[in-house]
């Protein structure tokens, strides 16, 4: 009995089908990985915003405590409130973080840090204020928040690095271009950034 012959056309179709399935699996896996890394960046950015918001939320209480002891330091107190307002008004779409937006955000946050530093100079003139329990608690919370900010920014830098590296590697760079995955912006080092901010009371 003669064995049935497989036509060349069926073999070619079979090979094309196998290649198409392998290519589909590769593209699907790369796409899903890019989506996951993109979501990691978005989630970590939310954490960065969260700790900056925590700092902003502490400031009105801090200003009120200082105001009770140093009401005539109006200009400094208003400067802190104004800097806080600017810092909280800068919003960034985590899906489209541009270097310009990040620089604007960072500049507003640096303005707030600077205003807080000026406030701390004022505090030095009031020993009773420095001994106030509410002030001491706010001091501890603010110092802890500054540490959290540094930590969350470091984590953000790591997830952005992972994402950017992933979408630039071959062949994922081709898929990234096809599906519109663009590089994410990083925080730029500000002058003196090698030294962690010190909030002294």
Protein backbone atom coordinates (compact mmCIF):
# COMPACT_ATOMS: atom_id res chain seq x y z
CA UNK A 1 0.00 0.00 0.00
CA UNK A 2 1.40 3.34 -1.06
CA UNK A 3 1.90 6.05 1.59
CA UNK A 4 0.01 9.30 0.97
CA UNK A 5 2.27 12.10 -0.27
CA UNK A 6 2.34 15.45 1.52
CA UNK A 7 2.31 18.26 -0.96
CA UNK A 8 4.97 20.95 -0.92
CA UNK A 9 2.22 23.54 -0.48
CA UNK A 10 1.08 21.97 2.81
CA UNK A 11 4.66 21.85 4.09
CA UNK A 12 5.19 25.51 3.24
CA UNK A 13 1.89 26.46 4.91
CA UNK A 14 2.88 24.43 7.98
CA UNK A 15 6.30 26.12 8.20
CA UNK A 16 4.71 29.57 7.74
CA UNK A 17 2.16 28.77 10.44
CA UNK A 18 4.87 27.65 12.88
CA UNK A 19 6.93 30.80 12.21
CA UNK A 20 3.83 32.99 12.58
CA UNK A 21 2.94 31.37 15.91
CA UNK A 22 6.51 31.76 17.19
CA UNK A 23 6.59 35.40 16.06
CA UNK A 24 3.19 36.04 17.66
CA UNK A 25 4.43 34.54 20.94
CA UNK A 26 7.57 36.64 20.85
CA UNK A 27 5.68 39.88 20.13
CA UNK A 28 2.99 39.07 22.70
CA UNK A 29 5.57 38.33 25.39
CA UNK A 30 7.60 41.47 24.62
CA UNK A 31 4.46 43.64 24.53
CA UNK A 32 3.14 42.29 27.82
CA UNK A 33 6.55 42.81 29.43
CA UNK A 34 6.66 46.43 28.23
CA UNK A 35 3.14 47.00 29.58
CA UNK A 36 4.16 45.58 32.97
CA UNK A 37 7.27 47.75 33.15
CA UNK A 38 5.24 50.80 32.11
CA UNK A 39 2.76 50.08 34.90
CA UNK A 40 5.65 49.72 37.36
CA UNK A 41 6.82 53.22 36.40
CA UNK A 42 3.29 54.61 36.85
CA UNK A 43 2.90 52.92 40.23
CA UNK A 44 6.28 54.12 41.46
CA UNK A 45 5.55 57.67 40.28
CA UNK A 46 2.39 57.54 42.40
CA UNK A 47 4.59 56.65 45.38
CA UNK A 48 6.87 59.62 44.65
CA UNK A 49 3.86 61.93 44.51
CA UNK A 50 2.49 60.36 47.67
CA UNK A 51 5.57 61.18 49.76
CA UNK A 52 5.80 64.71 48.37
CA UNK A 53 2.11 65.14 49.24
CA UNK A 54 2.83 63.88 52.75
CA UNK A 55 5.43 66.61 53.12
CA UNK A 56 3.01 69.20 51.78
CA UNK A 57 0.35 68.03 54.25
CA UNK A 58 2.72 68.50 57.19
CA UNK A 59 3.56 72.09 56.28
CA UNK A 60 0.32 73.84 57.36
CA UNK A 61 0.65 72.27 60.82
CA UNK A 62 4.28 73.28 61.00
CA UNK A 63 3.49 76.85 59.96
CA UNK A 64 0.69 77.06 62.54
CA UNK A 65 2.99 75.91 65.35
CA UNK A 66 5.70 78.37 64.31
CA UNK A 67 3.11 81.15 63.90
CA UNK A 68 2.11 80.71 67.52
CA UNK A 69 5.66 81.58 68.60
CA UNK A 70 6.82 83.82 65.78
CA UNK A 71 3.75 85.56 64.41
CA UNK A 72 5.75 88.63 63.35
CA UNK A 73 7.81 86.45 60.93
CA UNK A 74 4.96 86.85 58.48
CA UNK A 75 7.04 87.11 55.31
CA UNK A 76 8.83 83.83 55.96
CA UNK A 77 5.61 82.03 56.89
CA UNK A 78 3.83 83.32 53.78
CA UNK A 79 6.82 82.24 51.67
CA UNK A 80 6.45 78.67 52.93
CA UNK A 81 2.71 78.64 52.21
CA UNK A 82 3.26 80.09 48.72
CA UNK A 83 6.03 77.56 47.96
CA UNK A 84 3.76 74.75 49.17
CA UNK A 85 0.98 75.98 46.90
CA UNK A 86 3.32 76.01 43.89
CA UNK A 87 4.68 72.58 44.72
CA UNK A 88 1.24 71.01 44.98
CA UNK A 89 -0.06 72.69 41.81
CA UNK A 90 2.43 70.97 39.50
CA UNK A 91 0.84 67.78 38.22
CA UNK A 92 2.30 65.22 35.87
CA UNK A 93 0.58 62.58 33.76
CA UNK A 94 2.44 59.40 34.76
CA UNK A 95 1.79 57.91 31.32
CA UNK A 96 3.65 60.78 29.65
CA UNK A 97 6.37 62.07 31.97
CA UNK A 98 8.55 64.40 29.94
CA UNK A 99 11.92 65.78 31.06
CA UNK A 100 10.41 69.29 30.98
CA UNK A 101 7.50 68.30 33.25
CA UNK A 102 9.81 66.51 35.63
CA UNK A 103 12.14 69.53 35.76
CA UNK A 104 9.17 71.80 36.53
CA UNK A 105 8.00 69.42 39.27
CA UNK A 106 11.50 69.20 40.71
CA UNK A 107 11.95 72.99 40.62
CA UNK A 108 8.69 73.49 42.54
CA UNK A 109 9.75 70.91 45.14
CA UNK A 110 13.17 72.53 45.47
CA UNK A 111 11.42 75.88 46.00
CA UNK A 112 9.50 74.33 48.87
CA UNK A 113 12.68 72.84 50.35
CA UNK A 114 14.32 76.26 50.16
CA UNK A 115 11.34 77.93 51.88
CA UNK A 116 11.47 75.30 54.63
CA UNK A 117 15.17 75.98 55.12
CA UNK A 118 14.44 79.71 55.57
CA UNK A 119 11.73 78.81 58.08
CA UNK A 120 14.23 76.73 60.05
CA UNK A 121 16.55 79.73 60.28
CA UNK A 122 13.66 81.63 61.89
CA UNK A 123 13.01 78.75 64.30
CA UNK A 124 16.56 79.03 65.63
CA UNK A 125 15.63 82.38 67.18
CA UNK A 126 12.90 80.80 69.35
CA UNK A 127 14.20 78.32 71.93
CA UNK A 128 10.70 77.83 73.39
CA UNK A 129 9.43 76.80 69.97
CA UNK A 130 12.27 74.29 69.54
CA UNK A 131 11.21 72.67 72.84
CA UNK A 132 7.48 72.53 71.93
CA UNK A 133 6.19 68.93 71.80
CA UNK A 134 4.03 69.55 68.71
CA UNK A 135 7.00 71.08 66.95
CA UNK A 136 9.24 68.17 67.91
CA UNK A 137 6.70 65.67 66.55
CA UNK A 138 6.35 67.62 63.30
CA UNK A 139 10.14 67.79 63.07
CA UNK A 140 10.40 64.01 63.34
CA UNK A 141 7.65 63.48 60.77
CA UNK A 142 9.22 65.93 58.33
CA UNK A 143 12.67 64.35 58.69
CA UNK A 144 11.14 60.92 58.13
CA UNK A 145 9.28 62.21 55.08
CA UNK A 146 12.48 63.63 53.57
CA UNK A 147 14.03 60.17 53.93
CA UNK A 148 10.98 58.59 52.28
CA UNK A 149 11.21 61.08 49.41
CA UNK A 150 14.82 60.09 48.77
CA UNK A 151 13.93 56.40 48.95
CA UNK A 152 10.93 56.63 46.59
CA UNK A 153 12.89 58.73 44.11
CA UNK A 154 15.61 56.07 44.12
CA UNK A 155 13.02 53.36 43.46
CA UNK A 156 11.49 55.47 40.69
CA UNK A 157 14.93 55.80 39.07
CA UNK A 158 15.33 52.02 39.18
CA UNK A 159 11.98 51.18 37.55
CA UNK A 160 12.49 53.85 34.88
CA UNK A 161 15.96 52.45 34.16
CA UNK A 162 14.50 48.94 33.80
CA UNK A 163 11.72 50.19 31.51
CA UNK A 164 14.02 52.34 29.34
CA UNK A 165 16.57 49.54 29.02
CA UNK A 166 13.89 47.05 28.06
CA UNK A 167 12.36 49.14 25.27
CA UNK A 168 15.79 49.96 23.80
CA UNK A 169 17.01 46.35 23.48
CA UNK A 170 16.68 44.51 20.18
CA UNK A 171 14.15 43.31 19.04
CA UNK A 172 11.94 44.95 21.66
CA UNK A 173 12.96 48.37 20.36
CA UNK A 174 11.12 47.53 17.13
CA UNK A 175 8.00 46.49 19.03
CA UNK A 176 8.27 49.54 21.30
CA UNK A 177 8.27 51.81 18.23
CA UNK A 178 5.34 49.97 16.69
CA UNK A 179 3.25 50.10 19.88
CA UNK A 180 4.28 53.61 20.96
CA UNK A 181 6.35 52.85 24.06
CA UNK A 182 8.60 55.88 24.57
CA UNK A 183 11.44 56.46 27.02
CA UNK A 184 10.47 57.78 30.44
CA UNK A 185 12.10 60.83 31.99
CA UNK A 186 14.39 60.65 34.99
CA UNK A 187 14.98 63.17 37.74
CA UNK A 188 17.94 65.36 36.87
CA UNK A 189 20.48 65.96 39.60
CA UNK A 190 20.10 69.47 40.99
CA UNK A 191 23.10 71.47 42.08
CA UNK A 192 24.29 70.06 45.39
CA UNK A 193 22.22 66.88 44.88
CA UNK A 194 25.11 64.74 46.03
CA UNK A 195 24.31 65.97 49.54
CA UNK A 196 21.01 64.80 51.01
CA UNK A 197 18.71 67.63 52.12
CA UNK A 198 19.07 68.39 55.80
CA UNK A 199 16.09 69.75 57.70
CA UNK A 200 17.48 71.06 60.93
CA UNK A 201 15.32 72.46 63.69
